[in-house]
Amino acid sequence: LRCLCRVYPASKLFAGLVETVRVARSARTRGEALEALGALLARNGQSVCIPARHLPVVGAAVRDAAVRRAALSVLVQAHRLFGPEALRRHLGDSVTGGELDMLEERLRRAKEGQDVDGGGLVGTGDEGDGEGCGDCDDEQTEQQEEVTPQIPPTPLPV
């Protein structure tokens, strides 16, 4: 994911990760996708998310205990960006009862400054600027060094 942010627009990555959260069967896959969603929201802001389409999927993930922490982190980021009214309107009835209480508690802690960051899977570089996280450059350099073998010079006949 760190290098994909240099190739694809963040909004396309966000939509793909939301689809992964929706269809993945593995809790680990859903959790890591949700952590990446939180990082993308924190870094790129409102431009990556269509709240009416994406937030209900994230809200539905709160029900699963294995991915609840990551889903709540994404919703806290969305609350910071879109505000409480928009968050409640777009979540609709995908978050009910106990999940809503957990979200409100998490928002209270976030307001006090005790909340966890949005994750760390996505690189810190901006899209398209040619810099990125630096991981890709190191891997490409290593691959190039492996591909170009050193050929010893052949002696000329006399």
Protein backbone atom coordinates (compact mmCIF):
# COMPACT_ATOMS: atom_id res chain seq x y z
CA LEU A 1 0.00 0.00 0.00
CA ARG A 2 2.85 2.38 0.64
CA CYS A 3 3.90 2.40 -2.99
CA LEU A 4 0.40 2.30 -4.46
CA CYS A 5 -0.21 5.82 -3.19
CA ARG A 6 2.37 7.03 -5.68
CA VAL A 7 0.74 5.31 -8.64
CA TYR A 8 -3.01 5.53 -8.06
CA PRO A 9 -5.10 8.45 -6.85
CA ALA A 10 -6.01 8.26 -3.17
CA SER A 11 -9.74 8.35 -3.97
CA LYS A 12 -9.43 5.17 -6.07
CA LEU A 13 -7.45 3.44 -3.32
CA PHE A 14 -10.06 4.49 -0.79
CA ALA A 15 -12.91 3.06 -2.87
CA GLY A 16 -11.00 -0.18 -3.39
CA LEU A 17 -10.26 -0.53 0.30
CA VAL A 18 -13.91 0.08 1.19
CA GLU A 19 -14.87 -2.69 -1.24
CA THR A 20 -12.29 -4.93 0.45
CA VAL A 21 -13.87 -4.21 3.84
CA ARG A 22 -17.28 -5.07 2.40
CA VAL A 23 -16.42 -8.40 0.74
CA ALA A 24 -13.40 -9.79 2.64
CA ARG A 25 -14.00 -12.83 4.80
CA SER A 26 -10.80 -12.56 6.82
CA ALA A 27 -10.97 -10.30 9.87
CA ARG A 28 -7.27 -9.51 9.48
CA THR A 29 -7.81 -8.31 5.90
CA ARG A 30 -10.77 -6.16 6.95
CA GLY A 31 -8.84 -4.73 9.90
CA GLU A 32 -5.79 -3.78 7.86
CA ALA A 33 -7.97 -2.28 5.12
CA LEU A 34 -9.77 -0.19 7.75
CA GLU A 35 -6.45 1.00 9.20
CA ALA A 36 -5.37 2.07 5.71
CA LEU A 37 -8.70 3.88 5.25
CA GLY A 38 -8.09 5.83 8.45
CA ALA A 39 -4.61 6.79 7.30
CA LEU A 40 -5.88 7.91 3.88
CA LEU A 41 -8.61 10.01 5.50
CA ALA A 42 -6.14 11.58 7.92
CA ARG A 43 -3.64 12.42 5.21
CA ASN A 44 -5.86 13.39 2.27
CA GLY A 45 -8.97 14.76 3.93
CA GLN A 46 -12.46 14.89 2.47
CA SER A 47 -11.38 14.49 -1.15
CA VAL A 48 -10.97 10.71 -0.89
CA CYS A 49 -14.32 9.81 0.65
CA ILE A 50 -17.91 9.86 -0.58
CA PRO A 51 -19.63 9.75 2.81
CA ALA A 52 -23.01 8.49 1.62
CA ARG A 53 -21.39 5.52 -0.10
CA HIS A 54 -18.41 4.68 2.11
CA LEU A 55 -19.40 5.42 5.72
CA PRO A 56 -22.25 2.85 5.95
CA VAL A 57 -19.78 0.09 5.01
CA VAL A 58 -17.37 1.24 7.72
CA GLY A 59 -20.26 1.55 10.18
CA ALA A 60 -21.32 -2.03 9.51
CA ALA A 61 -17.76 -3.18 10.32
CA VAL A 62 -18.13 -1.85 13.90
CA ARG A 63 -20.30 -4.88 14.71
CA ASP A 64 -17.37 -7.26 14.23
CA ALA A 65 -15.29 -7.39 17.41
CA ALA A 66 -12.10 -8.32 15.53
CA VAL A 67 -12.06 -5.09 13.48
CA ARG A 68 -13.95 -2.74 15.81
CA ARG A 69 -10.93 -0.65 16.86
CA ALA A 70 -9.93 0.11 13.27
CA ALA A 71 -13.52 0.85 12.22
CA LEU A 72 -13.99 3.24 15.13
CA SER A 73 -10.73 5.01 14.21
CA VAL A 74 -12.02 5.57 10.67
CA LEU A 75 -15.30 6.93 12.02
CA VAL A 76 -13.41 9.29 14.36
CA GLN A 77 -11.47 10.60 11.36
CA ALA A 78 -14.73 11.03 9.44
CA HIS A 79 -16.22 12.88 12.42
CA ARG A 80 -13.27 15.27 12.43
CA LEU A 81 -13.60 15.91 8.69
CA PHE A 82 -17.34 15.93 8.06
CA GLY A 83 -18.77 16.88 11.45
CA PRO A 84 -21.24 15.10 13.73
CA GLU A 85 -24.40 15.83 11.73
CA ALA A 86 -23.01 14.49 8.48
CA LEU A 87 -21.61 11.43 10.24
CA ARG A 88 -24.96 10.53 11.81
CA ARG A 89 -26.84 11.22 8.57
CA HIS A 90 -24.54 9.04 6.44
CA LEU A 91 -24.23 6.22 8.94
CA GLY A 92 -28.00 5.93 9.14
CA ASP A 93 -29.01 2.66 10.74
CA SER A 94 -25.77 0.81 9.96
CA VAL A 95 -24.66 1.62 13.54
CA THR A 96 -27.20 0.94 16.25
CA GLY A 97 -27.47 0.66 20.04
CA GLY A 98 -24.25 -0.51 21.63
CA GLU A 99 -22.12 0.34 18.61
CA LEU A 100 -23.37 3.92 18.72
CA ASP A 101 -22.47 4.11 22.43
CA MET A 102 -18.95 2.83 21.65
CA LEU A 103 -18.60 5.40 18.88
CA GLU A 104 -19.70 8.23 21.17
CA GLU A 105 -17.23 7.09 23.85
CA ARG A 106 -14.44 6.95 21.26
CA LEU A 107 -15.37 10.44 20.04
CA ARG A 108 -15.25 11.72 23.62
CA ARG A 109 -11.77 10.26 24.09
CA ALA A 110 -10.66 11.68 20.73
CA LYS A 111 -11.85 15.12 21.77
CA GLU A 112 -9.68 14.87 24.88
CA GLY A 113 -6.68 13.95 22.73
CA GLN A 114 -6.31 10.35 23.89
CA ASP A 115 -7.28 8.69 20.61
CA VAL A 116 -5.01 6.55 18.47
CA ASP A 117 -3.79 7.82 15.12
CA GLY A 118 -5.36 6.76 11.81
CA GLY A 119 -2.96 3.86 11.17
CA GLY A 120 0.35 3.67 9.43
CA LEU A 121 0.12 1.49 6.38
CA VAL A 122 0.05 4.21 3.76
CA GLY A 123 3.21 6.17 2.97
CA THR A 124 3.69 9.78 3.95
CA GLY A 125 4.47 11.14 0.49
CA ASP A 126 1.95 13.04 -1.58
CA GLU A 127 0.57 11.43 -4.71
CA GLY A 128 2.28 12.25 -7.95
CA ASP A 129 5.16 14.32 -6.55
CA GLY A 130 7.74 11.65 -7.26
CA GLU A 131 8.91 11.36 -3.67
CA GLY A 132 6.66 9.10 -1.58
CA CYS A 133 7.85 6.95 1.25
CA GLY A 134 11.17 5.86 -0.20
CA ASP A 135 10.50 2.13 0.15
CA CYS A 136 9.91 1.71 -3.58
CA ASP A 137 13.17 3.44 -4.50
CA ASP A 138 15.19 1.14 -2.24
CA GLU A 139 13.55 -1.98 -3.67
CA GLN A 140 14.09 -0.83 -7.26
CA THR A 141 17.75 -0.08 -6.60
CA GLU A 142 18.27 -3.53 -5.05
CA GLN A 143 16.56 -5.21 -8.01
CA GLN A 144 18.70 -3.27 -10.50
CA GLU A 145 21.87 -4.27 -8.71
CA GLU A 146 20.85 -7.92 -8.83
CA VAL A 147 19.99 -7.80 -12.55
CA THR A 148 23.26 -6.30 -13.80
CA PRO A 149 25.94 -8.96 -13.24
CA GLN A 150 29.60 -8.06 -13.34
CA ILE A 151 31.20 -9.60 -16.45
CA PRO A 152 34.96 -10.03 -16.18
CA PRO A 153 36.95 -8.65 -19.12
CA THR A 154 38.04 -11.26 -21.64
CA PRO A 155 41.74 -11.34 -22.54
CA LEU A 156 42.58 -10.47 -26.15
CA PRO A 157 44.53 -13.05 -28.17
CA VAL A 158 48.08 -12.00 -29.05
